[in-house]
Amino acid sequence: METIYPSIVTVVALIVYFLITINVGRARFKYNVVAPATSGDPNFERALRVQQNTLEQIIFFLPLLWLFCFYVNPIWGSAIGGLWIIGRIIYALEYYQAAEKRTIGFAISSLSTLALLVGSLFGMTMVFIQ
């Protein structure tokens, strides 16, 4: 059952995204930013930006996770995917404090995505040339 590990990583990544989205709703209520407004208190704006950036990144991350797991190795792909999740959590916690603090989490998740991209391309190339 080689797909269990990337399946778990996928579900955990979506749970993290769901919790980040809930934080936006909580911030809307706490800082009285009535929908459809997307600006107001800086704390709300940071929560919204974390959610938006995570959505932007997850669209890129999930297909790469599965491509890497299929063409390279599901264990290694899932481990790299786990790093991506850790990076996104760190990113969120840092960004909630101040936008300038998001660097470490962003770097971890971005490098993880890059590893999945390069590995996927390598794995597909190896299958293609065989």
C-alpha atoms as a PDB file:
ATOM      1  CA  MET A   1       0.000   0.000   0.000  1.00  0.00           C
ATOM      2  CA  GLU A   2       2.469   2.601  -1.261  1.00  0.00           C
ATOM      3  CA  THR A   3      -0.069   5.410  -1.371  1.00  0.00           C
ATOM      4  CA  ILE A   4      -0.826   5.489   2.350  1.00  0.00           C
ATOM      5  CA  TYR A   5       2.014   7.858   3.251  1.00  0.00           C
ATOM      6  CA  PRO A   6       1.349  10.502   0.598  1.00  0.00           C
ATOM      7  CA  SER A   7      -2.351  10.146   1.413  1.00  0.00           C
ATOM      8  CA  ILE A   8      -1.635  10.954   5.061  1.00  0.00           C
ATOM      9  CA  VAL A   9       0.547  13.915   4.053  1.00  0.00           C
ATOM     10  CA  THR A  10      -2.227  15.183   1.773  1.00  0.00           C
ATOM     11  CA  VAL A  11      -4.857  14.975   4.518  1.00  0.00           C
ATOM     12  CA  VAL A  12      -2.594  16.647   7.090  1.00  0.00           C
ATOM     13  CA  ALA A  13      -1.737  19.442   4.624  1.00  0.00           C
ATOM     14  CA  LEU A  14      -5.449  20.022   4.005  1.00  0.00           C
ATOM     15  CA  ILE A  15      -6.161  20.027   7.749  1.00  0.00           C
ATOM     16  CA  VAL A  16      -3.438  22.647   8.248  1.00  0.00           C
ATOM     17  CA  TYR A  17      -4.989  24.725   5.457  1.00  0.00           C
ATOM     18  CA  PHE A  18      -8.446  24.308   7.013  1.00  0.00           C
ATOM     19  CA  LEU A  19      -7.179  25.495  10.417  1.00  0.00           C
ATOM     20  CA  ILE A  20      -5.453  28.477   8.806  1.00  0.00           C
ATOM     21  CA  THR A  21      -8.743  29.321   7.080  1.00  0.00           C
ATOM     22  CA  ILE A  22     -10.586  29.105  10.402  1.00  0.00           C
ATOM     23  CA  ASN A  23      -8.047  31.582  11.813  1.00  0.00           C
ATOM     24  CA  VAL A  24      -9.117  34.083   9.158  1.00  0.00           C
ATOM     25  CA  GLY A  25     -12.735  33.774  10.287  1.00  0.00           C
ATOM     26  CA  ARG A  26     -11.722  34.172  13.910  1.00  0.00           C
ATOM     27  CA  ALA A  27      -9.623  37.237  13.037  1.00  0.00           C
ATOM     28  CA  ARG A  28     -12.549  38.702  11.076  1.00  0.00           C
ATOM     29  CA  PHE A  29     -14.719  38.423  14.165  1.00  0.00           C
ATOM     30  CA  LYS A  30     -12.043  39.540  16.641  1.00  0.00           C
ATOM     31  CA  TYR A  31     -10.969  42.611  14.639  1.00  0.00           C
ATOM     32  CA  ASN A  32     -14.453  43.410  13.294  1.00  0.00           C
ATOM     33  CA  VAL A  33     -13.593  43.125   9.608  1.00  0.00           C
ATOM     34  CA  VAL A  34     -16.967  42.498   7.977  1.00  0.00           C
ATOM     35  CA  ALA A  35     -17.043  40.441   4.770  1.00  0.00           C
ATOM     36  CA  PRO A  36     -16.361  41.102   1.940  1.00  0.00           C
ATOM     37  CA  ALA A  37     -13.705  43.499   3.287  1.00  0.00           C
ATOM     38  CA  THR A  38     -10.140  42.218   3.014  1.00  0.00           C
ATOM     39  CA  SER A  39      -8.397  44.999   4.869  1.00  0.00           C
ATOM     40  CA  GLY A  40      -8.579  46.504   8.299  1.00  0.00           C
ATOM     41  CA  ASP A  41      -6.618  45.649  11.388  1.00  0.00           C
ATOM     42  CA  PRO A  42      -3.049  44.526  10.531  1.00  0.00           C
ATOM     43  CA  ASN A  43      -3.538  41.345  12.595  1.00  0.00           C
ATOM     44  CA  PHE A  44      -6.487  40.401  10.397  1.00  0.00           C
ATOM     45  CA  GLU A  45      -4.548  41.223   7.244  1.00  0.00           C
ATOM     46  CA  ARG A  46      -1.669  38.974   8.324  1.00  0.00           C
ATOM     47  CA  ALA A  47      -4.073  36.096   9.026  1.00  0.00           C
ATOM     48  CA  LEU A  48      -5.661  36.574   5.613  1.00  0.00           C
ATOM     49  CA  ARG A  49      -2.271  36.745   3.911  1.00  0.00           C
ATOM     50  CA  VAL A  50      -1.183  33.486   5.576  1.00  0.00           C
ATOM     51  CA  GLN A  51      -4.330  31.815   4.246  1.00  0.00           C
ATOM     52  CA  GLN A  52      -3.930  33.248   0.753  1.00  0.00           C
ATOM     53  CA  ASN A  53      -0.254  32.341   0.507  1.00  0.00           C
ATOM     54  CA  THR A  54      -0.881  28.825   1.786  1.00  0.00           C
ATOM     55  CA  LEU A  55      -3.595  28.374  -0.830  1.00  0.00           C
ATOM     56  CA  GLU A  56      -1.212  29.628  -3.521  1.00  0.00           C
ATOM     57  CA  GLN A  57       1.448  27.170  -2.350  1.00  0.00           C
ATOM     58  CA  ILE A  58      -0.776  24.118  -1.808  1.00  0.00           C
ATOM     59  CA  ILE A  59      -1.907  24.227  -5.446  1.00  0.00           C
ATOM     60  CA  PHE A  60       1.730  23.765  -6.467  1.00  0.00           C
ATOM     61  CA  PHE A  61       2.650  21.377  -3.648  1.00  0.00           C
ATOM     62  CA  LEU A  62      -0.017  18.664  -3.892  1.00  0.00           C
ATOM     63  CA  PRO A  63       0.513  17.620  -7.531  1.00  0.00           C
ATOM     64  CA  LEU A  64       4.282  17.636  -7.005  1.00  0.00           C
ATOM     65  CA  LEU A  65       3.925  15.469  -3.905  1.00  0.00           C
ATOM     66  CA  TRP A  66       2.005  12.837  -5.849  1.00  0.00           C
ATOM     67  CA  LEU A  67       4.239  13.012  -8.931  1.00  0.00           C
ATOM     68  CA  PHE A  68       7.351  12.574  -6.779  1.00  0.00           C
ATOM     69  CA  CYS A  69       5.773   9.668  -4.903  1.00  0.00           C
ATOM     70  CA  PHE A  70       4.752   7.978  -8.150  1.00  0.00           C
ATOM     71  CA  TYR A  71       7.945   8.498 -10.146  1.00  0.00           C
ATOM     72  CA  VAL A  72      10.581   8.504  -7.397  1.00  0.00           C
ATOM     73  CA  ASN A  73       9.636   7.116  -3.987  1.00  0.00           C
ATOM     74  CA  PRO A  74       6.534   7.453  -1.792  1.00  0.00           C
ATOM     75  CA  ILE A  75       8.477   7.339   1.477  1.00  0.00           C
ATOM     76  CA  TRP A  76      10.908  10.078   0.461  1.00  0.00           C
ATOM     77  CA  GLY A  77       8.141  12.109  -1.144  1.00  0.00           C
ATOM     78  CA  SER A  78       6.052  11.883   1.998  1.00  0.00           C
ATOM     79  CA  ALA A  79       9.022  12.872   4.169  1.00  0.00           C
ATOM     80  CA  ILE A  80       9.626  15.934   1.996  1.00  0.00           C
ATOM     81  CA  GLY A  81       5.899  16.631   2.094  1.00  0.00           C
ATOM     82  CA  GLY A  82       6.021  16.450   5.881  1.00  0.00           C
ATOM     83  CA  LEU A  83       8.768  19.078   5.842  1.00  0.00           C
ATOM     84  CA  TRP A  84       6.535  21.260   3.675  1.00  0.00           C
ATOM     85  CA  ILE A  85       3.782  21.000   6.293  1.00  0.00           C
ATOM     86  CA  ILE A  86       6.192  21.890   9.098  1.00  0.00           C
ATOM     87  CA  GLY A  87       7.401  24.836   7.037  1.00  0.00           C
ATOM     88  CA  ARG A  88       3.847  26.087   6.482  1.00  0.00           C
ATOM     89  CA  ILE A  89       3.062  25.844  10.209  1.00  0.00           C
ATOM     90  CA  ILE A  90       6.232  27.759  11.087  1.00  0.00           C
ATOM     91  CA  TYR A  91       5.432  30.276   8.339  1.00  0.00           C
ATOM     92  CA  ALA A  92       1.950  30.855   9.761  1.00  0.00           C
ATOM     93  CA  LEU A  93       3.108  31.217  13.356  1.00  0.00           C
ATOM     94  CA  GLU A  94       5.873  33.622  12.313  1.00  0.00           C
ATOM     95  CA  TYR A  95       3.666  35.678  10.003  1.00  0.00           C
ATOM     96  CA  TYR A  96       0.914  36.022  12.620  1.00  0.00           C
ATOM     97  CA  GLN A  97       3.490  37.845  14.780  1.00  0.00           C
ATOM     98  CA  ALA A  98       5.001  40.045  12.063  1.00  0.00           C
ATOM     99  CA  ALA A  99       5.348  39.773   8.290  1.00  0.00           C
ATOM    100  CA  GLU A 100       9.132  40.146   8.535  1.00  0.00           C
ATOM    101  CA  LYS A 101       9.413  36.979  10.641  1.00  0.00           C
ATOM    102  CA  ARG A 102       8.043  34.592   7.991  1.00  0.00           C
ATOM    103  CA  THR A 103      11.393  33.840   6.335  1.00  0.00           C
ATOM    104  CA  ILE A 104      12.320  30.507   7.979  1.00  0.00           C
ATOM    105  CA  GLY A 105       8.941  28.871   7.428  1.00  0.00           C
ATOM    106  CA  PHE A 106       8.738  30.176   3.880  1.00  0.00           C
ATOM    107  CA  ALA A 107      12.239  28.870   3.142  1.00  0.00           C
ATOM    108  CA  ILE A 108      11.470  25.393   4.513  1.00  0.00           C
ATOM    109  CA  SER A 109       8.255  25.029   2.524  1.00  0.00           C
ATOM    110  CA  SER A 110       9.736  26.561  -0.643  1.00  0.00           C
ATOM    111  CA  LEU A 111      12.820  24.338  -0.571  1.00  0.00           C
ATOM    112  CA  SER A 112      10.603  21.315   0.052  1.00  0.00           C
ATOM    113  CA  THR A 113       8.496  22.195  -2.978  1.00  0.00           C
ATOM    114  CA  LEU A 114      11.628  22.725  -5.055  1.00  0.00           C
ATOM    115  CA  ALA A 115      12.918  19.279  -4.011  1.00  0.00           C
ATOM    116  CA  LEU A 116       9.608  17.731  -5.067  1.00  0.00           C
ATOM    117  CA  LEU A 117       9.738  19.575  -8.391  1.00  0.00           C
ATOM    118  CA  VAL A 118      13.318  18.599  -9.224  1.00  0.00           C
ATOM    119  CA  GLY A 119      12.759  15.025  -8.070  1.00  0.00           C
ATOM    120  CA  SER A 120       9.556  14.702 -10.094  1.00  0.00           C
ATOM    121  CA  LEU A 121      11.248  16.002 -13.230  1.00  0.00           C
ATOM    122  CA  PHE A 122      14.181  13.652 -12.692  1.00  0.00           C
ATOM    123  CA  GLY A 123      11.911  10.651 -12.063  1.00  0.00           C
ATOM    124  CA  MET A 124       9.748  11.357 -15.115  1.00  0.00           C
ATOM    125  CA  THR A 125      12.839  11.845 -17.266  1.00  0.00           C
ATOM    126  CA  MET A 126      14.263   8.508 -16.139  1.00  0.00           C
ATOM    127  CA  VAL A 127      10.997   6.736 -17.018  1.00  0.00           C
ATOM    128  CA  PHE A 128      10.867   8.526 -20.370  1.00  0.00           C
ATOM    129  CA  ILE A 129      14.408   7.610 -21.452  1.00  0.00           C
ATOM    130  CA  GLN A 130      14.119   3.940 -20.472  1.00  0.00           C
END
